[in-house]
Amino acid sequence: MISSDVMRGYNDTIILAILAHEDSYGYEISKRVEDESDGKYIIKETTLYSAFARLEKNGYIMSYSGSETNGRARTYYRITPTGRNYYQEKCHEWELTKEVINKFTLEV
């Protein structure tokens, strides 16, 4: 399993990547992260909801009430146009980061 310290800077990018495909809600996003990482990364609930608050505050996502589950309205999240631009910037940054890290890790 990957340390949450290693992933901390990429949680927003991961969430935005998922929302770039379709609107979603917390549990579904956390399950998708776990499934698509083959269980190598499990995003904690507190981390996820902190990221939602930060992303929404910065205008990268918006929330809205959706279908009910056990009598409670589910909160869905949608990426905004500003969020799509930010996501593209983060993808470019990731490519540069990989390039630098690979210089120091692939030559051992």
Protein backbone atom coordinates (compact mmCIF):
# COMPACT_ATOMS: atom_id res chain seq x y z
CA MET A 1 0.00 0.00 0.00
CA ILE A 2 1.18 3.52 -0.80
CA SER A 3 1.81 5.89 2.10
CA SER A 4 -0.69 8.72 2.42
CA ASP A 5 2.31 11.07 2.82
CA VAL A 6 3.44 10.21 -0.72
CA MET A 7 -0.05 10.72 -2.14
CA ARG A 8 -0.98 13.89 -0.22
CA GLY A 9 -0.09 16.26 -3.04
CA TYR A 10 -2.02 14.26 -5.61
CA ASN A 11 -5.39 13.71 -3.92
CA ASP A 12 -6.91 16.77 -5.58
CA THR A 13 -5.69 15.62 -8.99
CA ILE A 14 -7.10 12.13 -8.45
CA ILE A 15 -10.49 13.50 -7.38
CA LEU A 16 -10.61 15.91 -10.31
CA ALA A 17 -9.69 13.10 -12.71
CA ILE A 18 -12.65 11.08 -11.52
CA LEU A 19 -15.02 14.05 -11.66
CA ALA A 20 -13.78 14.96 -15.15
CA HIS A 21 -15.59 11.81 -16.35
CA GLU A 22 -18.79 12.11 -14.35
CA ASP A 23 -20.35 13.65 -11.26
CA SER A 24 -19.92 11.50 -8.19
CA TYR A 25 -20.22 11.35 -4.39
CA GLY A 26 -17.76 10.64 -1.60
CA TYR A 27 -18.13 6.90 -1.08
CA GLU A 28 -18.19 6.20 -4.81
CA ILE A 29 -15.02 8.25 -5.33
CA SER A 30 -13.16 6.54 -2.48
CA LYS A 31 -14.22 3.12 -3.77
CA ARG A 32 -13.09 3.99 -7.28
CA VAL A 33 -9.67 5.15 -6.01
CA GLU A 34 -9.24 1.89 -4.14
CA ASP A 35 -10.44 -0.24 -7.07
CA GLU A 36 -8.47 1.52 -9.79
CA SER A 37 -5.29 1.44 -7.69
CA ASP A 38 -5.82 -2.30 -7.15
CA GLY A 39 -6.00 -1.62 -3.41
CA LYS A 40 -2.60 0.10 -3.35
CA TYR A 41 -4.13 3.40 -2.22
CA ILE A 42 -7.08 3.90 0.07
CA ILE A 43 -8.08 7.51 0.54
CA LYS A 44 -9.24 8.19 4.08
CA GLU A 45 -12.67 9.73 4.57
CA THR A 46 -11.25 12.76 6.39
CA THR A 47 -8.73 13.31 3.59
CA LEU A 48 -11.45 13.03 0.98
CA TYR A 49 -13.83 15.50 2.61
CA SER A 50 -11.01 17.95 3.36
CA ALA A 51 -10.12 17.81 -0.33
CA PHE A 52 -13.77 18.39 -1.31
CA ALA A 53 -13.92 21.49 0.93
CA ARG A 54 -10.64 22.86 -0.46
CA LEU A 55 -11.58 22.16 -4.08
CA GLU A 56 -14.99 23.74 -3.64
CA LYS A 57 -13.55 26.79 -1.85
CA ASN A 58 -11.14 27.30 -4.78
CA GLY A 59 -13.96 27.00 -7.32
CA TYR A 60 -12.67 23.74 -8.84
CA ILE A 61 -15.76 21.71 -7.95
CA MET A 62 -19.33 22.39 -6.92
CA SER A 63 -21.61 20.28 -4.76
CA TYR A 64 -25.32 19.56 -5.05
CA SER A 65 -27.87 17.27 -3.43
CA GLY A 66 -28.70 14.11 -5.29
CA SER A 67 -30.70 10.95 -4.72
CA GLU A 68 -31.54 9.88 -1.20
CA THR A 69 -29.92 7.00 0.62
CA ASN A 70 -31.52 5.75 3.83
CA GLY A 71 -33.54 8.96 4.05
CA ARG A 72 -30.56 11.29 3.59
CA ALA A 73 -29.82 13.29 0.48
CA ARG A 74 -26.48 12.33 -1.00
CA THR A 75 -24.01 15.13 -1.82
CA TYR A 76 -22.66 14.93 -5.34
CA TYR A 77 -19.69 16.80 -6.74
CA ARG A 78 -19.14 18.21 -10.23
CA ILE A 79 -15.96 19.62 -11.73
CA THR A 80 -16.18 23.24 -12.90
CA PRO A 81 -14.52 24.74 -16.00
CA THR A 82 -11.94 26.31 -13.66
CA GLY A 83 -11.43 22.86 -12.15
CA ARG A 84 -10.82 21.35 -15.59
CA ASN A 85 -8.13 23.96 -16.26
CA TYR A 86 -6.55 23.31 -12.87
CA TYR A 87 -6.67 19.56 -13.53
CA GLN A 88 -4.79 20.07 -16.82
CA GLU A 89 -2.14 22.14 -15.01
CA LYS A 90 -1.74 19.40 -12.38
CA CYS A 91 -1.38 16.75 -15.10
CA HIS A 92 1.40 18.78 -16.72
CA GLU A 93 3.03 19.26 -13.32
CA TRP A 94 2.85 15.49 -12.75
CA GLU A 95 4.67 14.81 -16.03
CA LEU A 96 7.49 17.12 -14.93
CA THR A 97 7.54 15.54 -11.47
CA LYS A 98 7.81 12.03 -12.94
CA GLU A 99 10.65 13.19 -15.18
CA VAL A 100 12.64 14.53 -12.23
CA ILE A 101 11.95 11.59 -9.89
CA ASN A 102 12.78 9.08 -12.62
CA LYS A 103 16.21 10.67 -12.99
CA PHE A 104 16.97 9.68 -9.43
CA THR A 105 15.16 6.34 -9.11
CA LEU A 106 15.53 4.47 -12.39
CA GLU A 107 19.29 4.44 -12.52
CA VAL A 108 20.02 2.32 -9.45
